[in-house]
């Protein structure tokens, strides 16, 4: 497979994840690969050729959706954490702080940066 085809695969993975999160679910790598008609190993190998992993893409989409939810909804941080597939509010806060260098609450107070 060529580089462009693998970039398209990454976008298809992103779209699958966005759709699953809109239904308050988080796809596993196996579920995503199956939905895309390939094995997990093939998906992982192709993503690796463009410097990505399934986990990296999951976190990218979670961060994107978290920012949107924090800025444009009245959902609590706990509700956002649950919708994004985090097991606890604390694990969401740690992840968001790692991604943005600020807590979700601080991000929400500061508005769109």
N, C-alpha and C. Protein backbone atom coordinates (compact mmCIF):
# COMPACT_ATOMS: atom_id res chain seq x y z
N UNK A 1 0.84 -1.19 0.00
CA UNK A 1 0.00 0.00 0.00
C UNK A 1 0.88 1.25 0.00
N UNK A 2 0.40 2.26 -0.64
CA UNK A 2 1.20 3.49 -0.67
C UNK A 2 0.82 4.44 0.45
N UNK A 3 1.63 5.45 0.60
CA UNK A 3 1.48 6.43 1.66
C UNK A 3 0.10 7.08 1.64
N UNK A 4 -0.36 7.50 0.47
CA UNK A 4 -1.66 8.18 0.36
C UNK A 4 -2.81 7.25 0.77
N UNK A 5 -2.73 5.99 0.38
CA UNK A 5 -3.77 5.04 0.76
C UNK A 5 -3.80 4.87 2.28
N UNK A 6 -2.64 4.89 2.91
CA UNK A 6 -2.58 4.75 4.36
C UNK A 6 -3.08 6.00 5.06
N UNK A 7 -2.86 7.17 4.46
CA UNK A 7 -3.44 8.40 5.01
C UNK A 7 -4.96 8.35 4.94
N UNK A 8 -5.48 7.81 3.84
CA UNK A 8 -6.93 7.66 3.71
C UNK A 8 -7.47 6.67 4.75
N UNK A 9 -6.71 5.62 5.01
CA UNK A 9 -7.11 4.68 6.06
C UNK A 9 -7.19 5.39 7.41
N UNK A 10 -6.20 6.22 7.72
CA UNK A 10 -6.22 6.95 8.99
C UNK A 10 -7.46 7.82 9.08
N UNK A 11 -7.85 8.44 7.98
CA UNK A 11 -9.06 9.28 8.00
C UNK A 11 -10.30 8.42 8.19
N UNK A 12 -10.33 7.24 7.61
CA UNK A 12 -11.47 6.33 7.80
C UNK A 12 -11.54 5.88 9.26
N UNK A 13 -10.40 5.64 9.89
CA UNK A 13 -10.37 5.29 11.31
C UNK A 13 -10.94 6.45 12.12
N UNK A 14 -10.50 7.67 11.82
CA UNK A 14 -11.01 8.85 12.53
C UNK A 14 -12.53 8.96 12.39
N UNK A 15 -13.04 8.78 11.17
CA UNK A 15 -14.48 8.87 10.94
C UNK A 15 -15.23 7.80 11.73
N UNK A 16 -14.70 6.59 11.76
CA UNK A 16 -15.33 5.50 12.52
C UNK A 16 -15.37 5.83 14.00
N UNK A 17 -14.28 6.38 14.50
CA UNK A 17 -14.23 6.74 15.92
C UNK A 17 -15.18 7.88 16.25
N UNK A 18 -15.22 8.91 15.41
CA UNK A 18 -16.16 10.01 15.65
C UNK A 18 -17.59 9.49 15.71
N UNK A 19 -17.93 8.60 14.78
CA UNK A 19 -19.29 8.04 14.76
C UNK A 19 -19.55 7.23 16.02
N UNK A 20 -18.58 6.45 16.46
CA UNK A 20 -18.81 5.65 17.66
C UNK A 20 -18.97 6.53 18.90
N UNK A 21 -18.16 7.59 19.00
CA UNK A 21 -18.28 8.50 20.14
C UNK A 21 -19.61 9.23 20.12
N UNK A 22 -20.15 9.51 18.93
CA UNK A 22 -21.45 10.19 18.87
C UNK A 22 -22.55 9.30 19.43
N UNK A 23 -22.28 7.99 19.47
CA UNK A 23 -23.22 7.03 20.08
C UNK A 23 -22.78 6.62 21.48
N UNK A 24 -21.89 7.43 22.07
CA UNK A 24 -21.37 7.18 23.43
C UNK A 24 -20.70 5.82 23.56
N UNK A 25 -19.98 5.45 22.50
CA UNK A 25 -19.21 4.21 22.52
C UNK A 25 -17.79 4.54 22.06
N UNK A 26 -16.85 3.74 22.46
CA UNK A 26 -15.48 3.86 21.98
C UNK A 26 -15.10 2.53 21.36
N UNK A 27 -14.86 2.55 20.05
CA UNK A 27 -14.48 1.33 19.36
C UNK A 27 -13.13 0.82 19.84
N UNK A 28 -13.00 -0.48 19.92
CA UNK A 28 -11.70 -1.08 20.15
C UNK A 28 -11.00 -1.16 18.79
N UNK A 29 -9.71 -1.43 18.82
CA UNK A 29 -8.97 -1.59 17.57
C UNK A 29 -9.59 -2.72 16.75
N UNK A 30 -9.97 -3.80 17.42
CA UNK A 30 -10.58 -4.94 16.71
C UNK A 30 -11.90 -4.53 16.04
N UNK A 31 -12.74 -3.83 16.77
CA UNK A 31 -14.03 -3.41 16.21
C UNK A 31 -13.83 -2.46 15.02
N UNK A 32 -12.89 -1.55 15.16
CA UNK A 32 -12.63 -0.60 14.08
C UNK A 32 -12.11 -1.32 12.84
N UNK A 33 -11.14 -2.19 13.03
CA UNK A 33 -10.57 -2.94 11.90
C UNK A 33 -11.64 -3.78 11.21
N UNK A 34 -12.46 -4.44 12.00
CA UNK A 34 -13.54 -5.25 11.43
C UNK A 34 -14.49 -4.38 10.61
N UNK A 35 -14.85 -3.22 11.15
CA UNK A 35 -15.74 -2.30 10.43
C UNK A 35 -15.12 -1.83 9.12
N UNK A 36 -13.79 -1.76 9.09
CA UNK A 36 -13.09 -1.32 7.88
C UNK A 36 -12.71 -2.49 6.96
N UNK A 37 -13.10 -3.71 7.36
CA UNK A 37 -12.88 -4.88 6.52
C UNK A 37 -11.45 -5.36 6.46
N UNK A 38 -10.75 -5.27 7.59
CA UNK A 38 -9.36 -5.73 7.62
C UNK A 38 -9.04 -6.28 8.98
N UNK A 39 -7.89 -6.91 9.09
CA UNK A 39 -7.44 -7.42 10.38
C UNK A 39 -6.84 -6.28 11.19
N UNK A 40 -6.81 -6.47 12.49
CA UNK A 40 -6.21 -5.46 13.37
C UNK A 40 -4.74 -5.27 13.00
N UNK A 41 -4.06 -6.37 12.77
CA UNK A 41 -2.63 -6.29 12.45
C UNK A 41 -2.39 -5.49 11.17
N UNK A 42 -3.22 -5.69 10.15
CA UNK A 42 -3.07 -4.93 8.90
C UNK A 42 -3.31 -3.45 9.15
N UNK A 43 -4.35 -3.14 9.92
CA UNK A 43 -4.64 -1.74 10.22
C UNK A 43 -3.47 -1.12 10.98
N UNK A 44 -2.98 -1.80 11.99
CA UNK A 44 -1.87 -1.27 12.78
C UNK A 44 -0.62 -1.07 11.93
N UNK A 45 -0.32 -2.04 11.09
CA UNK A 45 0.86 -1.97 10.24
C UNK A 45 0.77 -0.79 9.26
N UNK A 46 -0.40 -0.62 8.66
CA UNK A 46 -0.58 0.48 7.71
C UNK A 46 -0.52 1.83 8.40
N UNK A 47 -1.10 1.93 9.59
CA UNK A 47 -1.03 3.20 10.32
C UNK A 47 0.41 3.52 10.71
N UNK A 48 1.15 2.49 11.08
CA UNK A 48 2.54 2.69 11.49
C UNK A 48 3.38 3.27 10.36
N UNK A 49 3.07 2.93 9.11
CA UNK A 49 3.86 3.45 7.98
C UNK A 49 3.73 4.96 7.83
N UNK A 50 2.69 5.54 8.43
CA UNK A 50 2.54 7.00 8.38
C UNK A 50 2.74 7.62 9.76
N UNK A 51 3.36 6.85 10.65
CA UNK A 51 3.73 7.37 11.96
C UNK A 51 2.59 7.49 12.96
N UNK A 52 1.55 6.68 12.78
CA UNK A 52 0.40 6.74 13.68
C UNK A 52 0.15 5.37 14.29
N UNK A 53 -0.63 5.37 15.36
CA UNK A 53 -1.14 4.14 15.95
C UNK A 53 -2.63 4.35 16.21
N UNK A 54 -3.33 3.26 16.41
CA UNK A 54 -4.75 3.37 16.72
C UNK A 54 -4.95 4.19 17.99
N UNK A 55 -4.14 3.94 19.00
CA UNK A 55 -4.26 4.68 20.27
C UNK A 55 -4.03 6.17 20.06
N UNK A 56 -3.06 6.52 19.24
CA UNK A 56 -2.80 7.94 18.95
C UNK A 56 -4.03 8.59 18.33
N UNK A 57 -4.65 7.89 17.39
CA UNK A 57 -5.84 8.44 16.73
C UNK A 57 -7.00 8.54 17.71
N UNK A 58 -7.19 7.52 18.55
CA UNK A 58 -8.25 7.57 19.57
C UNK A 58 -8.07 8.82 20.44
N UNK A 59 -6.85 9.04 20.91
CA UNK A 59 -6.60 10.20 21.77
C UNK A 59 -6.78 11.52 21.03
N UNK A 60 -6.40 11.56 19.76
CA UNK A 60 -6.61 12.76 18.94
C UNK A 60 -8.09 13.10 18.85
N UNK A 61 -8.91 12.09 18.57
CA UNK A 61 -10.36 12.31 18.45
C UNK A 61 -10.97 12.65 19.81
N UNK A 62 -10.54 11.97 20.87
CA UNK A 62 -11.04 12.30 22.20
C UNK A 62 -10.74 13.76 22.55
N UNK A 63 -9.54 14.20 22.25
CA UNK A 63 -9.15 15.59 22.56
C UNK A 63 -9.99 16.57 21.74
N UNK A 64 -10.14 16.29 20.47
CA UNK A 64 -10.95 17.14 19.59
C UNK A 64 -12.39 17.25 20.11
N UNK A 65 -12.99 16.10 20.44
CA UNK A 65 -14.37 16.10 20.91
C UNK A 65 -14.49 16.71 22.31
N UNK A 66 -13.50 16.48 23.16
CA UNK A 66 -13.52 17.06 24.51
C UNK A 66 -13.52 18.58 24.43
N UNK A 67 -12.67 19.14 23.58
CA UNK A 67 -12.63 20.61 23.44
C UNK A 67 -13.98 21.14 22.98
N UNK A 68 -14.57 20.48 22.01
CA UNK A 68 -15.88 20.91 21.51
C UNK A 68 -16.93 20.85 22.61
N UNK A 69 -16.96 19.73 23.33
CA UNK A 69 -17.94 19.57 24.42
C UNK A 69 -17.73 20.60 25.53
N UNK A 70 -16.48 20.83 25.89
CA UNK A 70 -16.20 21.79 26.97
C UNK A 70 -16.63 23.20 26.59
N UNK A 71 -16.45 23.54 25.32
CA UNK A 71 -16.75 24.91 24.89
C UNK A 71 -18.21 25.12 24.50
N UNK A 72 -18.88 24.07 24.04
CA UNK A 72 -20.20 24.26 23.44
C UNK A 72 -21.32 23.45 24.07
N UNK A 73 -21.08 22.93 25.26
CA UNK A 73 -22.17 22.21 25.94
C UNK A 73 -22.14 22.56 27.41
N UNK A 74 -23.23 22.25 28.06
CA UNK A 74 -23.29 22.45 29.51
C UNK A 74 -23.06 21.13 30.25
N UNK A 75 -22.63 20.10 29.52
CA UNK A 75 -22.34 18.82 30.15
C UNK A 75 -21.27 18.98 31.21
N UNK A 76 -21.40 18.23 32.28
CA UNK A 76 -20.38 18.26 33.32
C UNK A 76 -19.12 17.56 32.81
N UNK A 77 -18.03 17.78 33.49
CA UNK A 77 -16.79 17.11 33.12
C UNK A 77 -16.96 15.60 33.25
N UNK A 78 -17.69 15.17 34.26
CA UNK A 78 -17.94 13.74 34.42
C UNK A 78 -18.74 13.18 33.24
N UNK A 79 -19.74 13.90 32.77
CA UNK A 79 -20.53 13.45 31.63
C UNK A 79 -19.68 13.38 30.36
N UNK A 80 -18.83 14.37 30.17
CA UNK A 80 -17.94 14.38 29.00
C UNK A 80 -16.97 13.21 29.08
N UNK A 81 -16.42 12.97 30.25
CA UNK A 81 -15.49 11.85 30.44
C UNK A 81 -16.16 10.53 30.08
N UNK A 82 -17.36 10.34 30.55
CA UNK A 82 -18.10 9.11 30.27
C UNK A 82 -18.41 8.97 28.79
N UNK A 83 -18.83 10.07 28.16
CA UNK A 83 -19.16 10.03 26.72
C UNK A 83 -17.94 9.71 25.87
N UNK A 84 -16.77 10.05 26.36
CA UNK A 84 -15.54 9.80 25.59
C UNK A 84 -14.87 8.48 25.98
N UNK A 85 -15.55 7.69 26.78
CA UNK A 85 -15.07 6.34 27.08
C UNK A 85 -14.04 6.24 28.18
N UNK A 86 -13.92 7.28 29.00
CA UNK A 86 -12.99 7.21 30.12
C UNK A 86 -13.67 6.50 31.28
N UNK A 87 -12.90 5.72 32.00
CA UNK A 87 -13.48 4.95 33.10
C UNK A 87 -13.82 5.83 34.30
N UNK A 88 -13.06 6.92 34.47
CA UNK A 88 -13.34 7.85 35.57
C UNK A 88 -13.12 9.28 35.11
N UNK A 89 -13.71 10.19 35.85
CA UNK A 89 -13.51 11.61 35.60
C UNK A 89 -12.03 11.96 35.77
N UNK A 90 -11.40 11.36 36.76
CA UNK A 90 -9.99 11.64 37.05
C UNK A 90 -9.09 11.24 35.89
N UNK A 91 -9.37 10.10 35.28
CA UNK A 91 -8.53 9.67 34.15
C UNK A 91 -8.72 10.63 32.96
N UNK A 92 -9.93 11.13 32.78
CA UNK A 92 -10.16 12.14 31.73
C UNK A 92 -9.39 13.41 32.04
N UNK A 93 -9.45 13.88 33.28
CA UNK A 93 -8.75 15.11 33.66
C UNK A 93 -7.24 14.96 33.43
N UNK A 94 -6.69 13.81 33.82
CA UNK A 94 -5.25 13.58 33.59
C UNK A 94 -4.90 13.60 32.11
N UNK A 95 -5.71 12.91 31.30
CA UNK A 95 -5.45 12.86 29.86
C UNK A 95 -5.58 14.25 29.24
N UNK A 96 -6.64 14.97 29.58
CA UNK A 96 -6.85 16.30 29.00
C UNK A 96 -5.71 17.24 29.41
N UNK A 97 -5.29 17.15 30.64
CA UNK A 97 -4.18 17.99 31.12
C UNK A 97 -2.89 17.66 30.37
N UNK A 98 -2.68 16.40 30.07
CA UNK A 98 -1.50 15.98 29.30
C UNK A 98 -1.57 16.53 27.87
N UNK A 99 -2.77 16.52 27.28
CA UNK A 99 -2.93 16.98 25.91
C UNK A 99 -2.82 18.50 25.78
N UNK A 100 -3.30 19.22 26.79
CA UNK A 100 -3.45 20.67 26.63
C UNK A 100 -2.66 21.51 27.62
N UNK A 101 -2.01 20.88 28.58
CA UNK A 101 -1.29 21.61 29.64
C UNK A 101 -2.22 22.46 30.50
N UNK A 102 -3.49 22.08 30.54
CA UNK A 102 -4.44 22.72 31.46
C UNK A 102 -5.57 21.74 31.75
N UNK A 103 -6.24 21.95 32.86
CA UNK A 103 -7.35 21.06 33.21
C UNK A 103 -8.56 21.36 32.32
N UNK A 104 -9.50 20.42 32.22
CA UNK A 104 -10.71 20.69 31.45
C UNK A 104 -11.47 21.92 31.99
N UNK A 105 -11.51 22.06 33.31
CA UNK A 105 -12.20 23.21 33.90
C UNK A 105 -11.54 24.52 33.50
N UNK A 106 -10.22 24.55 33.54
CA UNK A 106 -9.50 25.76 33.14
C UNK A 106 -9.73 26.05 31.66
N UNK A 107 -9.69 25.02 30.82
CA UNK A 107 -9.94 25.19 29.40
C UNK A 107 -11.31 25.79 29.16
N UNK A 108 -12.30 25.27 29.86
CA UNK A 108 -13.68 25.76 29.72
C UNK A 108 -13.78 27.22 30.16
N UNK A 109 -13.13 27.57 31.27
CA UNK A 109 -13.17 28.96 31.76
C UNK A 109 -12.49 29.93 30.80
N UNK A 110 -11.39 29.50 30.21
CA UNK A 110 -10.62 30.37 29.32
C UNK A 110 -11.27 30.52 27.96
N UNK A 111 -12.13 29.58 27.59
CA UNK A 111 -12.79 29.65 26.29
C UNK A 111 -11.89 29.17 25.17
N UNK A 112 -12.31 29.38 23.97
CA UNK A 112 -11.59 28.90 22.78
C UNK A 112 -10.26 29.63 22.64
N UNK A 113 -9.18 28.89 22.74
CA UNK A 113 -7.84 29.48 22.65
C UNK A 113 -7.30 29.43 21.25
